[in-house]
């Protein structure tokens, strides 16, 4: 049974250019970092963004749900693509 108090949700915007993803696939990058909408630092394995890669990279607003005690990602979903 899952302890709901150990589940955390973070909303963040990310703009990873094509070159960032090429560096990931070449093994030069393993993680991406940014800030959430409420100012928390977000560091994720680059592989978490694989389902969201387009020809221009990874762009949009995302929701991360993670389990604090086990330090694992429960889900990562794109809420909306960037409008620009």
PDB file of N, CA and C in Angstrom:
ATOM      1  N   UNK A   1       0.839  -1.182   0.000  1.00  0.00           N
ATOM      2  CA  UNK A   1       0.000   0.000   0.000  1.00  0.00           C
ATOM      3  C   UNK A   1       0.885   1.247   0.000  1.00  0.00           C
ATOM      4  N   UNK A   2       0.501   2.238  -0.771  1.00  0.00           N
ATOM      5  CA  UNK A   2       1.289   3.446  -0.963  1.00  0.00           C
ATOM      6  C   UNK A   2       0.965   4.489   0.098  1.00  0.00           C
ATOM      7  N   UNK A   3       1.982   5.086   0.677  1.00  0.00           N
ATOM      8  CA  UNK A   3       1.820   6.158   1.646  1.00  0.00           C
ATOM      9  C   UNK A   3       1.639   7.465   0.883  1.00  0.00           C
ATOM     10  N   UNK A   4       0.406   8.003   0.878  1.00  0.00           N
ATOM     11  CA  UNK A   4       0.098   9.197   0.096  1.00  0.00           C
ATOM     12  C   UNK A   4       0.923  10.408   0.530  1.00  0.00           C
ATOM     13  N   UNK A   5       1.343  10.465   1.784  1.00  0.00           N
ATOM     14  CA  UNK A   5       2.147  11.595   2.232  1.00  0.00           C
ATOM     15  C   UNK A   5       3.539  11.578   1.616  1.00  0.00           C
ATOM     16  N   UNK A   6       3.964  10.452   1.109  1.00  0.00           N
ATOM     17  CA  UNK A   6       5.293  10.368   0.511  1.00  0.00           C
ATOM     18  C   UNK A   6       5.276  10.643  -0.989  1.00  0.00           C
ATOM     19  N   UNK A   7       4.106  10.991  -1.531  1.00  0.00           N
ATOM     20  CA  UNK A   7       3.975  11.314  -2.951  1.00  0.00           C
ATOM     21  C   UNK A   7       4.055  12.831  -3.118  1.00  0.00           C
ATOM     22  N   UNK A   8       4.856  13.273  -4.069  1.00  0.00           N
ATOM     23  CA  UNK A   8       5.043  14.701  -4.316  1.00  0.00           C
ATOM     24  C   UNK A   8       4.735  14.999  -5.780  1.00  0.00           C
ATOM     25  N   UNK A   9       4.078  16.139  -6.027  1.00  0.00           N
ATOM     26  CA  UNK A   9       3.785  16.579  -7.392  1.00  0.00           C
ATOM     27  C   UNK A   9       4.486  17.916  -7.637  1.00  0.00           C
ATOM     28  N   UNK A  10       5.113  18.021  -8.786  1.00  0.00           N
ATOM     29  CA  UNK A  10       5.812  19.250  -9.165  1.00  0.00           C
ATOM     30  C   UNK A  10       5.443  19.585 -10.606  1.00  0.00           C
ATOM     31  N   UNK A  11       5.133  20.848 -10.838  1.00  0.00           N
ATOM     32  CA  UNK A  11       4.856  21.344 -12.189  1.00  0.00           C
ATOM     33  C   UNK A  11       6.060  22.182 -12.624  1.00  0.00           C
ATOM     34  N   UNK A  12       6.539  21.928 -13.844  1.00  0.00           N
ATOM     35  CA  UNK A  12       7.687  22.689 -14.344  1.00  0.00           C
ATOM     36  C   UNK A  12       7.605  22.823 -15.852  1.00  0.00           C
ATOM     37  N   UNK A  13       8.290  23.815 -16.357  1.00  0.00           N
ATOM     38  CA  UNK A  13       8.395  24.084 -17.790  1.00  0.00           C
ATOM     39  C   UNK A  13       9.789  23.677 -18.230  1.00  0.00           C
ATOM     40  N   UNK A  14       9.894  23.103 -19.406  1.00  0.00           N
ATOM     41  CA  UNK A  14      11.225  22.719 -19.884  1.00  0.00           C
ATOM     42  C   UNK A  14      11.346  23.008 -21.375  1.00  0.00           C
ATOM     43  N   UNK A  15      12.522  23.438 -21.763  1.00  0.00           N
ATOM     44  CA  UNK A  15      12.849  23.699 -23.164  1.00  0.00           C
ATOM     45  C   UNK A  15      14.216  23.102 -23.444  1.00  0.00           C
ATOM     46  N   UNK A  16      14.218  21.871 -23.873  1.00  0.00           N
ATOM     47  CA  UNK A  16      15.463  21.182 -24.227  1.00  0.00           C
ATOM     48  C   UNK A  16      15.579  21.202 -25.743  1.00  0.00           C
ATOM     49  N   UNK A  17      16.617  21.817 -26.224  1.00  0.00           N
ATOM     50  CA  UNK A  17      16.809  21.915 -27.665  1.00  0.00           C
ATOM     51  C   UNK A  17      17.282  20.585 -28.235  1.00  0.00           C
ATOM     52  N   UNK A  18      17.209  20.485 -29.531  1.00  0.00           N
ATOM     53  CA  UNK A  18      17.631  19.264 -30.220  1.00  0.00           C
ATOM     54  C   UNK A  18      19.058  18.871 -29.827  1.00  0.00           C
ATOM     55  N   UNK A  19      19.950  19.858 -29.720  1.00  0.00           N
ATOM     56  CA  UNK A  19      21.348  19.588 -29.360  1.00  0.00           C
ATOM     57  C   UNK A  19      21.454  18.953 -27.973  1.00  0.00           C
ATOM     58  N   UNK A  20      20.605  19.383 -27.031  1.00  0.00           N
ATOM     59  CA  UNK A  20      20.600  18.776 -25.694  1.00  0.00           C
ATOM     60  C   UNK A  20      20.288  17.289 -25.784  1.00  0.00           C
ATOM     61  N   UNK A  21      19.304  16.935 -26.591  1.00  0.00           N
ATOM     62  CA  UNK A  21      18.919  15.531 -26.729  1.00  0.00           C
ATOM     63  C   UNK A  21      19.993  14.748 -27.481  1.00  0.00           C
ATOM     64  N   UNK A  22      20.637  15.377 -28.463  1.00  0.00           N
ATOM     65  CA  UNK A  22      21.736  14.706 -29.161  1.00  0.00           C
ATOM     66  C   UNK A  22      22.884  14.410 -28.192  1.00  0.00           C
ATOM     67  N   UNK A  23      23.157  15.346 -27.284  1.00  0.00           N
ATOM     68  CA  UNK A  23      24.187  15.106 -26.263  1.00  0.00           C
ATOM     69  C   UNK A  23      23.793  13.956 -25.344  1.00  0.00           C
ATOM     70  N   UNK A  24      22.515  13.837 -25.032  1.00  0.00           N
ATOM     71  CA  UNK A  24      22.037  12.712 -24.220  1.00  0.00           C
ATOM     72  C   UNK A  24      22.271  11.390 -24.960  1.00  0.00           C
ATOM     73  N   UNK A  25      21.823  11.323 -26.215  1.00  0.00           N
ATOM     74  CA  UNK A  25      21.964  10.081 -26.978  1.00  0.00           C
ATOM     75  C   UNK A  25      23.430   9.714 -27.209  1.00  0.00           C
ATOM     76  N   UNK A  26      24.306  10.719 -27.239  1.00  0.00           N
ATOM     77  CA  UNK A  26      25.741  10.459 -27.408  1.00  0.00           C
ATOM     78  C   UNK A  26      26.417  10.084 -26.091  1.00  0.00           C
ATOM     79  N   UNK A  27      25.670  10.122 -24.995  1.00  0.00           N
ATOM     80  CA  UNK A  27      26.214   9.747 -23.695  1.00  0.00           C
ATOM     81  C   UNK A  27      26.904  10.869 -22.941  1.00  0.00           C
ATOM     82  N   UNK A  28      26.804  12.102 -23.460  1.00  0.00           N
ATOM     83  CA  UNK A  28      27.458  13.233 -22.802  1.00  0.00           C
ATOM     84  C   UNK A  28      26.617  13.850 -21.684  1.00  0.00           C
ATOM     85  N   UNK A  29      25.326  13.603 -21.692  1.00  0.00           N
ATOM     86  CA  UNK A  29      24.424  14.104 -20.651  1.00  0.00           C
ATOM     87  C   UNK A  29      23.608  12.948 -20.095  1.00  0.00           C
ATOM     88  N   UNK A  30      23.439  12.929 -18.786  1.00  0.00           N
ATOM     89  CA  UNK A  30      22.605  11.884 -18.178  1.00  0.00           C
ATOM     90  C   UNK A  30      21.420  12.469 -17.424  1.00  0.00           C
ATOM     91  N   UNK A  31      21.492  13.765 -17.080  1.00  0.00           N
ATOM     92  CA  UNK A  31      20.422  14.412 -16.319  1.00  0.00           C
ATOM     93  C   UNK A  31      20.156  15.811 -16.849  1.00  0.00           C
ATOM     94  N   UNK A  32      18.920  16.252 -16.616  1.00  0.00           N
ATOM     95  CA  UNK A  32      18.546  17.627 -16.912  1.00  0.00           C
ATOM     96  C   UNK A  32      18.013  18.251 -15.633  1.00  0.00           C
ATOM     97  N   UNK A  33      18.327  19.522 -15.412  1.00  0.00           N
ATOM     98  CA  UNK A  33      17.888  20.227 -14.206  1.00  0.00           C
ATOM     99  C   UNK A  33      17.140  21.493 -14.595  1.00  0.00           C
ATOM    100  N   UNK A  34      16.224  21.888 -13.729  1.00  0.00           N
ATOM    101  CA  UNK A  34      15.469  23.111 -13.932  1.00  0.00           C
ATOM    102  C   UNK A  34      14.772  23.509 -12.648  1.00  0.00           C
ATOM    103  N   UNK A  35      13.894  24.508 -12.747  1.00  0.00           N
ATOM    104  CA  UNK A  35      13.136  24.976 -11.593  1.00  0.00           C
ATOM    105  C   UNK A  35      11.655  24.733 -11.809  1.00  0.00           C
ATOM    106  N   UNK A  36      10.989  24.331 -10.732  1.00  0.00           N
ATOM    107  CA  UNK A  36       9.543  24.146 -10.788  1.00  0.00           C
ATOM    108  C   UNK A  36       8.861  25.506 -10.718  1.00  0.00           C
ATOM    109  N   UNK A  37       7.549  25.512 -10.960  1.00  0.00           N
ATOM    110  CA  UNK A  37       6.798  26.760 -10.899  1.00  0.00           C
ATOM    111  C   UNK A  37       6.816  27.369  -9.504  1.00  0.00           C
ATOM    112  N   UNK A  38       7.007  26.538  -8.471  1.00  0.00           N
ATOM    113  CA  UNK A  38       7.051  27.066  -7.100  1.00  0.00           C
ATOM    114  C   UNK A  38       8.484  27.246  -6.588  1.00  0.00           C
ATOM    115  N   UNK A  39       9.470  27.173  -7.492  1.00  0.00           N
ATOM    116  CA  UNK A  39      10.847  27.486  -7.144  1.00  0.00           C
ATOM    117  C   UNK A  39      11.718  26.331  -6.689  1.00  0.00           C
ATOM    118  N   UNK A  40      11.191  25.108  -6.677  1.00  0.00           N
ATOM    119  CA  UNK A  40      12.013  23.958  -6.278  1.00  0.00           C
ATOM    120  C   UNK A  40      12.897  23.517  -7.439  1.00  0.00           C
ATOM    121  N   UNK A  41      14.073  23.032  -7.112  1.00  0.00           N
ATOM    122  CA  UNK A  41      14.991  22.507  -8.126  1.00  0.00           C
ATOM    123  C   UNK A  41      14.528  21.111  -8.528  1.00  0.00           C
ATOM    124  N   UNK A  42      14.481  20.872  -9.824  1.00  0.00           N
ATOM    125  CA  UNK A  42      14.059  19.587 -10.374  1.00  0.00           C
ATOM    126  C   UNK A  42      15.232  19.005 -11.150  1.00  0.00           C
ATOM    127  N   UNK A  43      15.663  17.803 -10.794  1.00  0.00           N
ATOM    128  CA  UNK A  43      16.720  17.101 -11.519  1.00  0.00           C
ATOM    129  C   UNK A  43      16.171  15.736 -11.894  1.00  0.00           C
ATOM    130  N   UNK A  44      16.157  15.459 -13.185  1.00  0.00           N
ATOM    131  CA  UNK A  44      15.604  14.196 -13.677  1.00  0.00           C
ATOM    132  C   UNK A  44      16.591  13.507 -14.604  1.00  0.00           C
ATOM    133  N   UNK A  45      16.528  12.182 -14.648  1.00  0.00           N
ATOM    134  CA  UNK A  45      17.345  11.488 -15.643  1.00  0.00           C
ATOM    135  C   UNK A  45      16.867  11.884 -17.037  1.00  0.00           C
ATOM    136  N   UNK A  46      17.788  12.108 -17.930  1.00  0.00           N
ATOM    137  CA  UNK A  46      17.431  12.500 -19.291  1.00  0.00           C
ATOM    138  C   UNK A  46      16.527  11.466 -19.946  1.00  0.00           C
ATOM    139  N   UNK A  47      16.683  10.216 -19.586  1.00  0.00           N
ATOM    140  CA  UNK A  47      15.865   9.149 -20.179  1.00  0.00           C
ATOM    141  C   UNK A  47      14.380   9.323 -19.885  1.00  0.00           C
ATOM    142  N   UNK A  48      14.020  10.051 -18.841  1.00  0.00           N
ATOM    143  CA  UNK A  48      12.608  10.268 -18.506  1.00  0.00           C
ATOM    144  C   UNK A  48      11.888  11.058 -19.594  1.00  0.00           C
ATOM    145  N   UNK A  49      12.644  11.830 -20.379  1.00  0.00           N
ATOM    146  CA  UNK A  49      12.039  12.665 -21.414  1.00  0.00           C
ATOM    147  C   UNK A  49      11.939  11.975 -22.770  1.00  0.00           C
ATOM    148  N   UNK A  50      12.439  10.778 -22.872  1.00  0.00           N
ATOM    149  CA  UNK A  50      12.460  10.060 -24.145  1.00  0.00           C
ATOM    150  C   UNK A  50      11.094  10.018 -24.845  1.00  0.00           C
ATOM    151  N   UNK A  51       9.984   9.762 -24.127  1.00  0.00           N
ATOM    152  CA  UNK A  51       8.683   9.708 -24.819  1.00  0.00           C
ATOM    153  C   UNK A  51       8.223  11.046 -25.395  1.00  0.00           C
ATOM    154  N   UNK A  52       8.850  12.131 -24.999  1.00  0.00           N
ATOM    155  CA  UNK A  52       8.388  13.461 -25.387  1.00  0.00           C
ATOM    156  C   UNK A  52       9.285  14.132 -26.425  1.00  0.00           C
ATOM    157  N   UNK A  53      10.282  13.430 -26.924  1.00  0.00           N
ATOM    158  CA  UNK A  53      11.241  14.008 -27.867  1.00  0.00           C
ATOM    159  C   UNK A  53      10.591  14.204 -29.232  1.00  0.00           C
ATOM    160  N   UNK A  54      10.769  15.408 -29.787  1.00  0.00           N
ATOM    161  CA  UNK A  54      10.357  15.706 -31.158  1.00  0.00           C
ATOM    162  C   UNK A  54      11.609  16.118 -31.931  1.00  0.00           C
ATOM    163  N   UNK A  55      11.449  16.460 -33.187  1.00  0.00           N
ATOM    164  CA  UNK A  55      12.598  16.890 -33.990  1.00  0.00           C
ATOM    165  C   UNK A  55      13.274  18.129 -33.416  1.00  0.00           C
ATOM    166  N   UNK A  56      12.522  18.954 -32.695  1.00  0.00           N
ATOM    167  CA  UNK A  56      13.102  20.184 -32.136  1.00  0.00           C
ATOM    168  C   UNK A  56      13.581  20.023 -30.694  1.00  0.00           C
ATOM    169  N   UNK A  57      13.432  18.853 -30.108  1.00  0.00           N
ATOM    170  CA  UNK A  57      13.862  18.610 -28.724  1.00  0.00           C
ATOM    171  C   UNK A  57      12.683  18.238 -27.843  1.00  0.00           C
ATOM    172  N   UNK A  58      12.676  18.757 -26.617  1.00  0.00           N
ATOM    173  CA  UNK A  58      11.570  18.533 -25.679  1.00  0.00           C
ATOM    174  C   UNK A  58      11.155  19.892 -25.138  1.00  0.00           C
ATOM    175  N   UNK A  59       9.891  20.224 -25.330  1.00  0.00           N
ATOM    176  CA  UNK A  59       9.389  21.532 -24.917  1.00  0.00           C
ATOM    177  C   UNK A  59       8.007  21.362 -24.309  1.00  0.00           C
ATOM    178  N   UNK A  60       7.729  22.116 -23.253  1.00  0.00           N
ATOM    179  CA  UNK A  60       6.389  22.118 -22.695  1.00  0.00           C
ATOM    180  C   UNK A  60       6.348  22.252 -21.189  1.00  0.00           C
ATOM    181  N   UNK A  61       5.132  22.159 -20.703  1.00  0.00           N
ATOM    182  CA  UNK A  61       4.856  22.210 -19.261  1.00  0.00           C
ATOM    183  C   UNK A  61       4.547  20.788 -18.818  1.00  0.00           C
ATOM    184  N   UNK A  62       5.216  20.335 -17.750  1.00  0.00           N
ATOM    185  CA  UNK A  62       5.125  18.944 -17.319  1.00  0.00           C
ATOM    186  C   UNK A  62       4.707  18.838 -15.859  1.00  0.00           C
ATOM    187  N   UNK A  63       4.107  17.693 -15.538  1.00  0.00           N
ATOM    188  CA  UNK A  63       3.822  17.345 -14.149  1.00  0.00           C
ATOM    189  C   UNK A  63       4.635  16.107 -13.805  1.00  0.00           C
ATOM    190  N   UNK A  64       5.435  16.231 -12.753  1.00  0.00           N
ATOM    191  CA  UNK A  64       6.216  15.118 -12.229  1.00  0.00           C
ATOM    192  C   UNK A  64       5.566  14.658 -10.935  1.00  0.00           C
ATOM    193  N   UNK A  65       5.288  13.365 -10.837  1.00  0.00           N
ATOM    194  CA  UNK A  65       4.812  12.768  -9.590  1.00  0.00           C
ATOM    195  C   UNK A  65       5.892  11.788  -9.172  1.00  0.00           C
ATOM    196  N   UNK A  66       6.389  11.958  -7.953  1.00  0.00           N
ATOM    197  CA  UNK A  66       7.435  11.044  -7.506  1.00  0.00           C
ATOM    198  C   UNK A  66       7.217  10.621  -6.059  1.00  0.00           C
ATOM    199  N   UNK A  67       7.818   9.503  -5.728  1.00  0.00           N
ATOM    200  CA  UNK A  67       7.702   8.879  -4.415  1.00  0.00           C
ATOM    201  C   UNK A  67       8.935   9.266  -3.615  1.00  0.00           C
ATOM    202  N   UNK A  68       8.719  10.009  -2.545  1.00  0.00           N
ATOM    203  CA  UNK A  68       9.835  10.565  -1.771  1.00  0.00           C
ATOM    204  C   UNK A  68      10.698   9.508  -1.097  1.00  0.00           C
ATOM    205  N   UNK A  69      10.084   8.585  -0.393  1.00  0.00           N
ATOM    206  CA  UNK A  69      10.874   7.640   0.400  1.00  0.00           C
ATOM    207  C   UNK A  69      11.681   6.686  -0.468  1.00  0.00           C
ATOM    208  N   UNK A  70      11.135   6.310  -1.627  1.00  0.00           N
ATOM    209  CA  UNK A  70      11.856   5.404  -2.527  1.00  0.00           C
ATOM    210  C   UNK A  70      12.631   6.153  -3.599  1.00  0.00           C
ATOM    211  N   UNK A  71      12.450   7.474  -3.647  1.00  0.00           N
ATOM    212  CA  UNK A  71      13.125   8.324  -4.636  1.00  0.00           C
ATOM    213  C   UNK A  71      12.960   7.791  -6.053  1.00  0.00           C
ATOM    214  N   UNK A  72      11.699   7.586  -6.432  1.00  0.00           N
ATOM    215  CA  UNK A  72      11.433   7.079  -7.779  1.00  0.00           C
ATOM    216  C   UNK A  72      10.321   7.883  -8.439  1.00  0.00           C
ATOM    217  N   UNK A  73      10.386   7.960  -9.759  1.00  0.00           N
ATOM    218  CA  UNK A  73       9.363   8.644 -10.541  1.00  0.00           C
ATOM    219  C   UNK A  73       8.143   7.743 -10.627  1.00  0.00           C
ATOM    220  N   UNK A  74       6.987   8.285 -10.255  1.00  0.00           N
ATOM    221  CA  UNK A  74       5.720   7.570 -10.412  1.00  0.00           C
ATOM    222  C   UNK A  74       5.174   7.855 -11.805  1.00  0.00           C
ATOM    223  N   UNK A  75       5.187   9.134 -12.207  1.00  0.00           N
ATOM    224  CA  UNK A  75       4.741   9.495 -13.548  1.00  0.00           C
ATOM    225  C   UNK A  75       5.337  10.836 -13.959  1.00  0.00           C
ATOM    226  N   UNK A  76       5.461  11.002 -15.252  1.00  0.00           N
ATOM    227  CA  UNK A  76       5.873  12.263 -15.853  1.00  0.00           C
ATOM    228  C   UNK A  76       4.984  12.446 -17.063  1.00  0.00           C
ATOM    229  N   UNK A  77       4.230  13.540 -17.081  1.00  0.00           N
ATOM    230  CA  UNK A  77       3.346  13.766 -18.229  1.00  0.00           C
ATOM    231  C   UNK A  77       3.407  15.219 -18.664  1.00  0.00           C
ATOM    232  N   UNK A  78       3.246  15.392 -19.963  1.00  0.00           N
ATOM    233  CA  UNK A  78       3.227  16.752 -20.497  1.00  0.00           C
ATOM    234  C   UNK A  78       1.818  17.294 -20.329  1.00  0.00           C
ATOM    235  N   UNK A  79       1.716  18.462 -19.699  1.00  0.00           N
ATOM    236  CA  UNK A  79       0.424  19.109 -19.515  1.00  0.00           C
ATOM    237  C   UNK A  79       0.043  19.915 -20.742  1.00  0.00           C
ATOM    238  N   UNK A  80       1.035  20.572 -21.340  1.00  0.00           N
ATOM    239  CA  UNK A  80       0.780  21.380 -22.531  1.00  0.00           C
ATOM    240  C   UNK A  80       2.098  21.640 -23.237  1.00  0.00           C
ATOM    241  N   UNK A  81       2.055  21.645 -24.571  1.00  0.00           N
ATOM    242  CA  UNK A  81       3.264  22.037 -25.298  1.00  0.00           C
ATOM    243  C   UNK A  81       3.448  23.544 -25.172  1.00  0.00           C
ATOM    244  N   UNK A  82       4.653  24.011 -25.436  1.00  0.00           N
ATOM    245  CA  UNK A  82       4.892  25.462 -25.437  1.00  0.00           C
ATOM    246  C   UNK A  82       4.120  26.089 -26.571  1.00  0.00           C
ATOM    247  N   UNK A  83       3.678  27.307 -26.345  1.00  0.00           N
ATOM    248  CA  UNK A  83       2.918  27.997 -27.381  1.00  0.00           C
ATOM    249  C   UNK A  83       3.802  28.767 -28.344  1.00  0.00           C
ATOM    250  N   UNK A  84       5.106  28.877 -28.037  1.00  0.00           N
ATOM    251  CA  UNK A  84       5.992  29.624 -28.946  1.00  0.00           C
ATOM    252  C   UNK A  84       6.822  28.732 -29.804  1.00  0.00           C
TER     253      UNK A  84
END
